[in-house]
């Protein structure tokens, strides 16, 4: 299990009738493109040996988004959300995955 607690694969919400139902969860991870300087990642790499932690050569710091979506939201729509709202496609790459 990841530090920070369990991640539910589906979120619960109340339907229009008041009953509980589940909705799919989508994760979008955004990181700087390899050719883009990442000063925050570099600072982390430099800090690790001072903490006695060795063996990490590179860190790319990014953003992590979790979206609860309706079943009918398709992959094309999800990639459009990522590329037009969550990421800057000029300097960032992103991945979209359903949990």
PDB file of N, CA and C in Angstrom:
ATOM      1  N   UNK A   1       0.847  -1.175   0.000  1.00  0.00           N
ATOM      2  CA  UNK A   1       0.000   0.000   0.000  1.00  0.00           C
ATOM      3  C   UNK A   1       0.890   1.235   0.000  1.00  0.00           C
ATOM      4  N   UNK A   2       0.513   2.246  -0.723  1.00  0.00           N
ATOM      5  CA  UNK A   2       1.296   3.471  -0.829  1.00  0.00           C
ATOM      6  C   UNK A   2       1.204   4.266   0.458  1.00  0.00           C
ATOM      7  N   UNK A   3       2.287   4.992   0.773  1.00  0.00           N
ATOM      8  CA  UNK A   3       2.244   5.891   1.907  1.00  0.00           C
ATOM      9  C   UNK A   3       1.202   6.946   1.631  1.00  0.00           C
ATOM     10  N   UNK A   4       0.429   7.304   2.564  1.00  0.00           N
ATOM     11  CA  UNK A   4      -0.611   8.281   2.317  1.00  0.00           C
ATOM     12  C   UNK A   4      -1.988   7.639   2.287  1.00  0.00           C
ATOM     13  N   UNK A   5      -2.048   6.338   2.425  1.00  0.00           N
ATOM     14  CA  UNK A   5      -3.338   5.695   2.575  1.00  0.00           C
ATOM     15  C   UNK A   5      -3.824   4.972   1.347  1.00  0.00           C
ATOM     16  N   UNK A   6      -4.885   4.203   1.520  1.00  0.00           N
ATOM     17  CA  UNK A   6      -5.436   3.421   0.412  1.00  0.00           C
ATOM     18  C   UNK A   6      -6.118   4.315  -0.607  1.00  0.00           C
ATOM     19  N   UNK A   7      -6.120   3.871  -1.834  1.00  0.00           N
ATOM     20  CA  UNK A   7      -6.823   4.573  -2.900  1.00  0.00           C
ATOM     21  C   UNK A   7      -7.979   3.697  -3.347  1.00  0.00           C
ATOM     22  N   UNK A   8      -9.191   4.224  -3.223  1.00  0.00           N
ATOM     23  CA  UNK A   8     -10.358   3.485  -3.683  1.00  0.00           C
ATOM     24  C   UNK A   8     -10.369   3.481  -5.205  1.00  0.00           C
ATOM     25  N   UNK A   9     -10.762   2.347  -5.794  1.00  0.00           N
ATOM     26  CA  UNK A   9     -10.825   2.271  -7.238  1.00  0.00           C
ATOM     27  C   UNK A   9     -12.088   2.925  -7.767  1.00  0.00           C
ATOM     28  N   UNK A  10     -13.093   2.979  -6.969  1.00  0.00           N
ATOM     29  CA  UNK A  10     -14.328   3.638  -7.379  1.00  0.00           C
ATOM     30  C   UNK A  10     -14.796   4.496  -6.212  1.00  0.00           C
ATOM     31  N   UNK A  11     -15.283   5.661  -6.520  1.00  0.00           N
ATOM     32  CA  UNK A  11     -15.799   6.555  -5.493  1.00  0.00           C
ATOM     33  C   UNK A  11     -17.293   6.294  -5.325  1.00  0.00           C
ATOM     34  N   UNK A  12     -17.804   6.617  -4.161  1.00  0.00           N
ATOM     35  CA  UNK A  12     -19.238   6.478  -3.947  1.00  0.00           C
ATOM     36  C   UNK A  12     -19.874   7.855  -3.962  1.00  0.00           C
ATOM     37  N   UNK A  13     -21.099   7.898  -4.441  1.00  0.00           N
ATOM     38  CA  UNK A  13     -21.877   9.136  -4.435  1.00  0.00           C
ATOM     39  C   UNK A  13     -23.340   8.765  -4.300  1.00  0.00           C
ATOM     40  N   UNK A  14     -24.141   9.749  -3.984  1.00  0.00           N
ATOM     41  CA  UNK A  14     -25.585   9.530  -3.886  1.00  0.00           C
ATOM     42  C   UNK A  14     -26.211   9.748  -5.255  1.00  0.00           C
ATOM     43  N   UNK A  15     -27.048   8.832  -5.645  1.00  0.00           N
ATOM     44  CA  UNK A  15     -27.767   8.967  -6.919  1.00  0.00           C
ATOM     45  C   UNK A  15     -28.938   9.929  -6.728  1.00  0.00           C
ATOM     46  N   UNK A  16     -29.627  10.210  -7.818  1.00  0.00           N
ATOM     47  CA  UNK A  16     -30.796  11.096  -7.749  1.00  0.00           C
ATOM     48  C   UNK A  16     -31.886  10.539  -6.846  1.00  0.00           C
ATOM     49  N   UNK A  17     -31.908   9.217  -6.680  1.00  0.00           N
ATOM     50  CA  UNK A  17     -32.918   8.595  -5.827  1.00  0.00           C
ATOM     51  C   UNK A  17     -32.476   8.533  -4.368  1.00  0.00           C
ATOM     52  N   UNK A  18     -31.237   8.949  -4.084  1.00  0.00           N
ATOM     53  CA  UNK A  18     -30.747   8.953  -2.708  1.00  0.00           C
ATOM     54  C   UNK A  18     -29.957   7.725  -2.319  1.00  0.00           C
ATOM     55  N   UNK A  19     -29.913   6.715  -3.193  1.00  0.00           N
ATOM     56  CA  UNK A  19     -29.144   5.512  -2.874  1.00  0.00           C
ATOM     57  C   UNK A  19     -27.674   5.726  -3.234  1.00  0.00           C
ATOM     58  N   UNK A  20     -26.818   4.985  -2.564  1.00  0.00           N
ATOM     59  CA  UNK A  20     -25.385   5.080  -2.852  1.00  0.00           C
ATOM     60  C   UNK A  20     -25.053   4.297  -4.112  1.00  0.00           C
ATOM     61  N   UNK A  21     -24.190   4.854  -4.952  1.00  0.00           N
ATOM     62  CA  UNK A  21     -23.723   4.152  -6.141  1.00  0.00           C
ATOM     63  C   UNK A  21     -22.235   4.464  -6.310  1.00  0.00           C
ATOM     64  N   UNK A  22     -21.578   3.749  -7.192  1.00  0.00           N
ATOM     65  CA  UNK A  22     -20.159   3.969  -7.406  1.00  0.00           C
ATOM     66  C   UNK A  22     -19.935   4.575  -8.784  1.00  0.00           C
ATOM     67  N   UNK A  23     -18.856   5.346  -8.888  1.00  0.00           N
ATOM     68  CA  UNK A  23     -18.484   5.950 -10.159  1.00  0.00           C
ATOM     69  C   UNK A  23     -17.023   5.608 -10.438  1.00  0.00           C
ATOM     70  N   UNK A  24     -16.661   5.474 -11.707  1.00  0.00           N
ATOM     71  CA  UNK A  24     -15.271   5.152 -12.037  1.00  0.00           C
ATOM     72  C   UNK A  24     -14.328   6.276 -11.649  1.00  0.00           C
ATOM     73  N   UNK A  25     -13.138   5.906 -11.238  1.00  0.00           N
ATOM     74  CA  UNK A  25     -12.096   6.880 -10.916  1.00  0.00           C
ATOM     75  C   UNK A  25     -11.032   6.805 -12.005  1.00  0.00           C
ATOM     76  N   UNK A  26     -10.605   7.979 -12.455  1.00  0.00           N
ATOM     77  CA  UNK A  26      -9.564   8.114 -13.466  1.00  0.00           C
ATOM     78  C   UNK A  26      -8.410   8.877 -12.852  1.00  0.00           C
ATOM     79  N   UNK A  27      -7.193   8.448 -13.131  1.00  0.00           N
ATOM     80  CA  UNK A  27      -5.997   9.133 -12.652  1.00  0.00           C
ATOM     81  C   UNK A  27      -5.281   9.746 -13.840  1.00  0.00           C
ATOM     82  N   UNK A  28      -4.919  11.007 -13.702  1.00  0.00           N
ATOM     83  CA  UNK A  28      -4.119  11.706 -14.700  1.00  0.00           C
ATOM     84  C   UNK A  28      -2.832  12.135 -14.004  1.00  0.00           C
ATOM     85  N   UNK A  29      -1.698  11.663 -14.509  1.00  0.00           N
ATOM     86  CA  UNK A  29      -0.387  12.061 -14.002  1.00  0.00           C
ATOM     87  C   UNK A  29       0.280  12.939 -15.049  1.00  0.00           C
ATOM     88  N   UNK A  30       0.805  14.074 -14.602  1.00  0.00           N
ATOM     89  CA  UNK A  30       1.428  15.057 -15.484  1.00  0.00           C
ATOM     90  C   UNK A  30       2.856  15.279 -15.015  1.00  0.00           C
ATOM     91  N   UNK A  31       3.825  15.190 -15.936  1.00  0.00           N
ATOM     92  CA  UNK A  31       5.233  15.429 -15.601  1.00  0.00           C
ATOM     93  C   UNK A  31       5.875  16.293 -16.683  1.00  0.00           C
ATOM     94  N   UNK A  32       6.940  17.018 -16.319  1.00  0.00           N
ATOM     95  CA  UNK A  32       7.642  17.787 -17.352  1.00  0.00           C
ATOM     96  C   UNK A  32       8.230  16.862 -18.414  1.00  0.00           C
ATOM     97  N   UNK A  33       8.248  17.324 -19.653  1.00  0.00           N
ATOM     98  CA  UNK A  33       8.877  16.555 -20.722  1.00  0.00           C
ATOM     99  C   UNK A  33      10.358  16.387 -20.403  1.00  0.00           C
ATOM    100  N   UNK A  34      10.993  15.319 -20.891  1.00  0.00           N
ATOM    101  CA  UNK A  34      12.402  15.049 -20.559  1.00  0.00           C
ATOM    102  C   UNK A  34      13.343  16.208 -20.894  1.00  0.00           C
ATOM    103  N   UNK A  35      13.049  16.949 -21.958  1.00  0.00           N
ATOM    104  CA  UNK A  35      13.943  18.040 -22.352  1.00  0.00           C
ATOM    105  C   UNK A  35      13.724  19.322 -21.547  1.00  0.00           C
ATOM    106  N   UNK A  36      12.734  19.329 -20.653  1.00  0.00           N
ATOM    107  CA  UNK A  36      12.431  20.502 -19.839  1.00  0.00           C
ATOM    108  C   UNK A  36      13.133  20.374 -18.489  1.00  0.00           C
ATOM    109  N   UNK A  37      13.842  21.419 -18.101  1.00  0.00           N
ATOM    110  CA  UNK A  37      14.525  21.455 -16.812  1.00  0.00           C
ATOM    111  C   UNK A  37      13.508  21.313 -15.680  1.00  0.00           C
ATOM    112  N   UNK A  38      13.833  20.501 -14.688  1.00  0.00           N
ATOM    113  CA  UNK A  38      12.952  20.279 -13.545  1.00  0.00           C
ATOM    114  C   UNK A  38      13.711  20.621 -12.267  1.00  0.00           C
ATOM    115  N   UNK A  39      13.753  21.899 -11.879  1.00  0.00           N
ATOM    116  CA  UNK A  39      14.541  22.290 -10.702  1.00  0.00           C
ATOM    117  C   UNK A  39      14.051  21.655  -9.406  1.00  0.00           C
ATOM    118  N   UNK A  40      12.752  21.417  -9.276  1.00  0.00           N
ATOM    119  CA  UNK A  40      12.255  20.775  -8.060  1.00  0.00           C
ATOM    120  C   UNK A  40      12.739  19.331  -7.975  1.00  0.00           C
ATOM    121  N   UNK A  41      12.707  18.629  -9.104  1.00  0.00           N
ATOM    122  CA  UNK A  41      13.227  17.265  -9.126  1.00  0.00           C
ATOM    123  C   UNK A  41      14.708  17.221  -8.817  1.00  0.00           C
ATOM    124  N   UNK A  42      15.461  18.172  -9.366  1.00  0.00           N
ATOM    125  CA  UNK A  42      16.902  18.229  -9.099  1.00  0.00           C
ATOM    126  C   UNK A  42      17.180  18.503  -7.627  1.00  0.00           C
ATOM    127  N   UNK A  43      16.387  19.365  -6.997  1.00  0.00           N
ATOM    128  CA  UNK A  43      16.564  19.649  -5.571  1.00  0.00           C
ATOM    129  C   UNK A  43      16.324  18.392  -4.733  1.00  0.00           C
ATOM    130  N   UNK A  44      15.353  17.599  -5.129  1.00  0.00           N
ATOM    131  CA  UNK A  44      15.077  16.350  -4.410  1.00  0.00           C
ATOM    132  C   UNK A  44      16.251  15.392  -4.539  1.00  0.00           C
ATOM    133  N   UNK A  45      16.786  15.254  -5.761  1.00  0.00           N
ATOM    134  CA  UNK A  45      17.931  14.364  -5.985  1.00  0.00           C
ATOM    135  C   UNK A  45      19.120  14.795  -5.131  1.00  0.00           C
ATOM    136  N   UNK A  46      19.364  16.090  -5.036  1.00  0.00           N
ATOM    137  CA  UNK A  46      20.495  16.585  -4.229  1.00  0.00           C
ATOM    138  C   UNK A  46      20.257  16.383  -2.732  1.00  0.00           C
ATOM    139  N   UNK A  47      19.000  16.412  -2.294  1.00  0.00           N
ATOM    140  CA  UNK A  47      18.691  16.272  -0.872  1.00  0.00           C
ATOM    141  C   UNK A  47      18.789  14.825  -0.384  1.00  0.00           C
ATOM    142  N   UNK A  48      18.533  13.872  -1.242  1.00  0.00           N
ATOM    143  CA  UNK A  48      18.499  12.469  -0.811  1.00  0.00           C
ATOM    144  C   UNK A  48      19.800  11.989  -0.179  1.00  0.00           C
ATOM    145  N   UNK A  49      20.988  12.249  -0.780  1.00  0.00           N
ATOM    146  CA  UNK A  49      22.226  11.798  -0.127  1.00  0.00           C
ATOM    147  C   UNK A  49      22.447  12.433   1.246  1.00  0.00           C
ATOM    148  N   UNK A  50      21.994  13.664   1.425  1.00  0.00           N
ATOM    149  CA  UNK A  50      22.126  14.307   2.742  1.00  0.00           C
ATOM    150  C   UNK A  50      21.264  13.602   3.784  1.00  0.00           C
ATOM    151  N   UNK A  51      20.257  12.895   3.314  1.00  0.00           N
ATOM    152  CA  UNK A  51      19.395  12.126   4.211  1.00  0.00           C
ATOM    153  C   UNK A  51      19.891  10.688   4.367  1.00  0.00           C
ATOM    154  N   UNK A  52      21.027  10.378   3.736  1.00  0.00           N
ATOM    155  CA  UNK A  52      21.569   9.026   3.796  1.00  0.00           C
ATOM    156  C   UNK A  52      20.921   8.070   2.811  1.00  0.00           C
ATOM    157  N   UNK A  53      20.209   8.607   1.824  1.00  0.00           N
ATOM    158  CA  UNK A  53      19.515   7.784   0.839  1.00  0.00           C
ATOM    159  C   UNK A  53      20.247   7.896  -0.488  1.00  0.00           C
ATOM    160  N   UNK A  54      20.643   6.755  -1.044  1.00  0.00           N
ATOM    161  CA  UNK A  54      21.467   6.747  -2.250  1.00  0.00           C
ATOM    162  C   UNK A  54      20.824   5.873  -3.326  1.00  0.00           C
ATOM    163  N   UNK A  55      21.250   6.084  -4.561  1.00  0.00           N
ATOM    164  CA  UNK A  55      20.800   5.242  -5.661  1.00  0.00           C
ATOM    165  C   UNK A  55      19.750   5.879  -6.555  1.00  0.00           C
ATOM    166  N   UNK A  56      19.265   7.056  -6.205  1.00  0.00           N
ATOM    167  CA  UNK A  56      18.280   7.737  -7.050  1.00  0.00           C
ATOM    168  C   UNK A  56      19.039   8.701  -7.950  1.00  0.00           C
ATOM    169  N   UNK A  57      18.927   8.508  -9.246  1.00  0.00           N
ATOM    170  CA  UNK A  57      19.671   9.319 -10.213  1.00  0.00           C
ATOM    171  C   UNK A  57      18.878  10.506 -10.735  1.00  0.00           C
ATOM    172  N   UNK A  58      17.574  10.356 -10.852  1.00  0.00           N
ATOM    173  CA  UNK A  58      16.758  11.434 -11.409  1.00  0.00           C
ATOM    174  C   UNK A  58      15.373  11.415 -10.787  1.00  0.00           C
ATOM    175  N   UNK A  59      14.822  12.593 -10.580  1.00  0.00           N
ATOM    176  CA  UNK A  59      13.450  12.746 -10.102  1.00  0.00           C
ATOM    177  C   UNK A  59      12.765  13.751 -11.012  1.00  0.00           C
ATOM    178  N   UNK A  60      11.582  13.418 -11.459  1.00  0.00           N
ATOM    179  CA  UNK A  60      10.747  14.349 -12.227  1.00  0.00           C
ATOM    180  C   UNK A  60       9.513  14.595 -11.371  1.00  0.00           C
ATOM    181  N   UNK A  61       9.358  15.805 -10.881  1.00  0.00           N
ATOM    182  CA  UNK A  61       8.195  16.114 -10.066  1.00  0.00           C
ATOM    183  C   UNK A  61       7.053  16.540 -10.964  1.00  0.00           C
ATOM    184  N   UNK A  62       5.874  16.047 -10.659  1.00  0.00           N
ATOM    185  CA  UNK A  62       4.728  16.375 -11.485  1.00  0.00           C
ATOM    186  C   UNK A  62       3.482  16.612 -10.667  1.00  0.00           C
ATOM    187  N   UNK A  63       2.351  16.416 -11.314  1.00  0.00           N
ATOM    188  CA  UNK A  63       1.047  16.617 -10.689  1.00  0.00           C
ATOM    189  C   UNK A  63       0.244  15.331 -10.842  1.00  0.00           C
ATOM    190  N   UNK A  64      -0.569  15.053  -9.856  1.00  0.00           N
ATOM    191  CA  UNK A  64      -1.407  13.854  -9.842  1.00  0.00           C
ATOM    192  C   UNK A  64      -2.855  14.306  -9.643  1.00  0.00           C
ATOM    193  N   UNK A  65      -3.730  13.920 -10.555  1.00  0.00           N
ATOM    194  CA  UNK A  65      -5.143  14.270 -10.474  1.00  0.00           C
ATOM    195  C   UNK A  65      -5.973  13.000 -10.403  1.00  0.00           C
ATOM    196  N   UNK A  66      -7.007  13.003  -9.588  1.00  0.00           N
ATOM    197  CA  UNK A  66      -7.967  11.912  -9.539  1.00  0.00           C
ATOM    198  C   UNK A  66      -9.323  12.477  -9.896  1.00  0.00           C
ATOM    199  N   UNK A  67      -9.937  11.918 -10.928  1.00  0.00           N
ATOM    200  CA  UNK A  67     -11.231  12.382 -11.415  1.00  0.00           C
ATOM    201  C   UNK A  67     -12.254  11.276 -11.232  1.00  0.00           C
ATOM    202  N   UNK A  68     -13.379  11.604 -10.636  1.00  0.00           N
ATOM    203  CA  UNK A  68     -14.515  10.677 -10.576  1.00  0.00           C
ATOM    204  C   UNK A  68     -15.408  11.032 -11.756  1.00  0.00           C
ATOM    205  N   UNK A  69     -15.611  10.072 -12.643  1.00  0.00           N
ATOM    206  CA  UNK A  69     -16.305  10.348 -13.901  1.00  0.00           C
ATOM    207  C   UNK A  69     -17.483   9.410 -14.089  1.00  0.00           C
ATOM    208  N   UNK A  70     -18.384   9.821 -14.966  1.00  0.00           N
ATOM    209  CA  UNK A  70     -19.500   8.958 -15.350  1.00  0.00           C
ATOM    210  C   UNK A  70     -18.983   7.839 -16.248  1.00  0.00           C
ATOM    211  N   UNK A  71     -19.721   6.746 -16.292  1.00  0.00           N
ATOM    212  CA  UNK A  71     -19.330   5.590 -17.106  1.00  0.00           C
ATOM    213  C   UNK A  71     -19.186   5.925 -18.583  1.00  0.00           C
ATOM    214  N   UNK A  72     -19.947   6.900 -19.064  1.00  0.00           N
ATOM    215  CA  UNK A  72     -19.932   7.183 -20.499  1.00  0.00           C
ATOM    216  C   UNK A  72     -18.858   8.175 -20.938  1.00  0.00           C
ATOM    217  N   UNK A  73     -17.988   8.613 -20.026  1.00  0.00           N
ATOM    218  CA  UNK A  73     -16.889   9.497 -20.414  1.00  0.00           C
ATOM    219  C   UNK A  73     -15.815   8.636 -21.080  1.00  0.00           C
ATOM    220  N   UNK A  74     -15.542   8.902 -22.361  1.00  0.00           N
ATOM    221  CA  UNK A  74     -14.621   8.050 -23.120  1.00  0.00           C
ATOM    222  C   UNK A  74     -13.175   8.532 -23.017  1.00  0.00           C
ATOM    223  N   UNK A  75     -12.259   7.704 -23.512  1.00  0.00           N
ATOM    224  CA  UNK A  75     -10.822   7.994 -23.435  1.00  0.00           C
ATOM    225  C   UNK A  75     -10.469   9.289 -24.162  1.00  0.00           C
ATOM    226  N   UNK A  76     -11.099   9.536 -25.291  1.00  0.00           N
ATOM    227  CA  UNK A  76     -10.814  10.770 -26.040  1.00  0.00           C
ATOM    228  C   UNK A  76     -11.145  12.007 -25.209  1.00  0.00           C
ATOM    229  N   UNK A  77     -12.271  11.973 -24.525  1.00  0.00           N
ATOM    230  CA  UNK A  77     -12.664  13.093 -23.667  1.00  0.00           C
ATOM    231  C   UNK A  77     -11.682  13.265 -22.517  1.00  0.00           C
ATOM    232  N   UNK A  78     -11.265  12.160 -21.924  1.00  0.00           N
ATOM    233  CA  UNK A  78     -10.310  12.230 -20.818  1.00  0.00           C
ATOM    234  C   UNK A  78      -8.980  12.829 -21.266  1.00  0.00           C
ATOM    235  N   UNK A  79      -8.508  12.428 -22.440  1.00  0.00           N
ATOM    236  CA  UNK A  79      -7.249  12.986 -22.949  1.00  0.00           C
ATOM    237  C   UNK A  79      -7.410  14.461 -23.307  1.00  0.00           C
ATOM    238  N   UNK A  80      -8.578  14.847 -23.756  1.00  0.00           N
ATOM    239  CA  UNK A  80      -8.823  16.264 -24.042  1.00  0.00           C
ATOM    240  C   UNK A  80      -8.783  17.077 -22.746  1.00  0.00           C
ATOM    241  N   UNK A  81      -9.404  16.557 -21.693  1.00  0.00           N
ATOM    242  CA  UNK A  81      -9.370  17.228 -20.387  1.00  0.00           C
ATOM    243  C   UNK A  81      -7.924  17.388 -19.935  1.00  0.00           C
ATOM    244  N   UNK A  82      -7.148  16.304 -20.046  1.00  0.00           N
ATOM    245  CA  UNK A  82      -5.751  16.344 -19.607  1.00  0.00           C
ATOM    246  C   UNK A  82      -4.943  17.340 -20.429  1.00  0.00           C
ATOM    247  N   UNK A  83      -5.067  17.278 -21.741  1.00  0.00           N
ATOM    248  CA  UNK A  83      -4.236  18.094 -22.614  1.00  0.00           C
ATOM    249  C   UNK A  83      -4.632  19.552 -22.702  1.00  0.00           C
ATOM    250  N   UNK A  84      -5.896  19.863 -22.424  1.00  0.00           N
ATOM    251  CA  UNK A  84      -6.353  21.245 -22.544  1.00  0.00           C
ATOM    252  C   UNK A  84      -6.527  21.950 -21.208  1.00  0.00           C
ATOM    253  N   UNK A  85      -6.599  21.189 -20.117  1.00  0.00           N
ATOM    254  CA  UNK A  85      -6.864  21.810 -18.822  1.00  0.00           C
ATOM    255  C   UNK A  85      -5.822  21.459 -17.756  1.00  0.00           C
ATOM    256  N   UNK A  86      -5.480  20.187 -17.644  1.00  0.00           N
ATOM    257  CA  UNK A  86      -4.621  19.749 -16.544  1.00  0.00           C
ATOM    258  C   UNK A  86      -3.131  19.883 -16.849  1.00  0.00           C
ATOM    259  N   UNK A  87      -2.753  19.801 -18.112  1.00  0.00           N
ATOM    260  CA  UNK A  87      -1.341  19.842 -18.497  1.00  0.00           C
ATOM    261  C   UNK A  87      -1.101  20.972 -19.494  1.00  0.00           C
ATOM    262  N   UNK A  88       0.144  21.385 -19.566  1.00  0.00           N
ATOM    263  CA  UNK A  88       0.586  22.307 -20.610  1.00  0.00           C
ATOM    264  C   UNK A  88       1.293  21.443 -21.649  1.00  0.00           C
ATOM    265  N   UNK A  89       0.671  21.154 -22.784  1.00  0.00           N
ATOM    266  CA  UNK A  89       1.246  20.201 -23.742  1.00  0.00           C
ATOM    267  C   UNK A  89       2.559  20.660 -24.361  1.00  0.00           C
ATOM    268  N   UNK A  90       2.916  21.911 -24.219  1.00  0.00           N
ATOM    269  CA  UNK A  90       4.189  22.390 -24.745  1.00  0.00           C
ATOM    270  C   UNK A  90       5.353  21.873 -23.900  1.00  0.00           C
ATOM    271  N   UNK A  91       5.150  21.785 -22.580  1.00  0.00           N
ATOM    272  CA  UNK A  91       6.257  21.415 -21.691  1.00  0.00           C
ATOM    273  C   UNK A  91       5.987  20.184 -20.837  1.00  0.00           C
ATOM    274  N   UNK A  92       4.769  19.609 -20.925  1.00  0.00           N
ATOM    275  CA  UNK A  92       4.434  18.488 -20.058  1.00  0.00           C
ATOM    276  C   UNK A  92       3.865  17.312 -20.853  1.00  0.00           C
ATOM    277  N   UNK A  93       4.146  16.112 -20.346  1.00  0.00           N
ATOM    278  CA  UNK A  93       3.531  14.874 -20.825  1.00  0.00           C
ATOM    279  C   UNK A  93       2.523  14.428 -19.779  1.00  0.00           C
ATOM    280  N   UNK A  94       1.539  13.639 -20.192  1.00  0.00           N
ATOM    281  CA  UNK A  94       0.555  13.130 -19.256  1.00  0.00           C
ATOM    282  C   UNK A  94       0.156  11.708 -19.610  1.00  0.00           C
ATOM    283  N   UNK A  95      -0.304  11.015 -18.585  1.00  0.00           N
ATOM    284  CA  UNK A  95      -0.885   9.683 -18.780  1.00  0.00           C
ATOM    285  C   UNK A  95      -2.273   9.695 -18.139  1.00  0.00           C
ATOM    286  N   UNK A  96      -3.177   8.966 -18.748  1.00  0.00           N
ATOM    287  CA  UNK A  96      -4.540   8.829 -18.247  1.00  0.00           C
ATOM    288  C   UNK A  96      -4.795   7.351 -18.049  1.00  0.00           C
ATOM    289  N   UNK A  97      -5.298   6.974 -16.873  1.00  0.00           N
ATOM    290  CA  UNK A  97      -5.622   5.568 -16.663  1.00  0.00           C
ATOM    291  C   UNK A  97      -6.851   5.457 -15.776  1.00  0.00           C
ATOM    292  N   UNK A  98      -7.681   4.493 -16.121  1.00  0.00           N
ATOM    293  CA  UNK A  98      -8.842   4.193 -15.300  1.00  0.00           C
ATOM    294  C   UNK A  98      -8.444   3.194 -14.227  1.00  0.00           C
ATOM    295  N   UNK A  99      -8.910   3.428 -13.026  1.00  0.00           N
ATOM    296  CA  UNK A  99      -8.625   2.486 -11.943  1.00  0.00           C
ATOM    297  C   UNK A  99      -9.692   1.432 -11.859  1.00  0.00           C
TER     298      UNK A  99
END
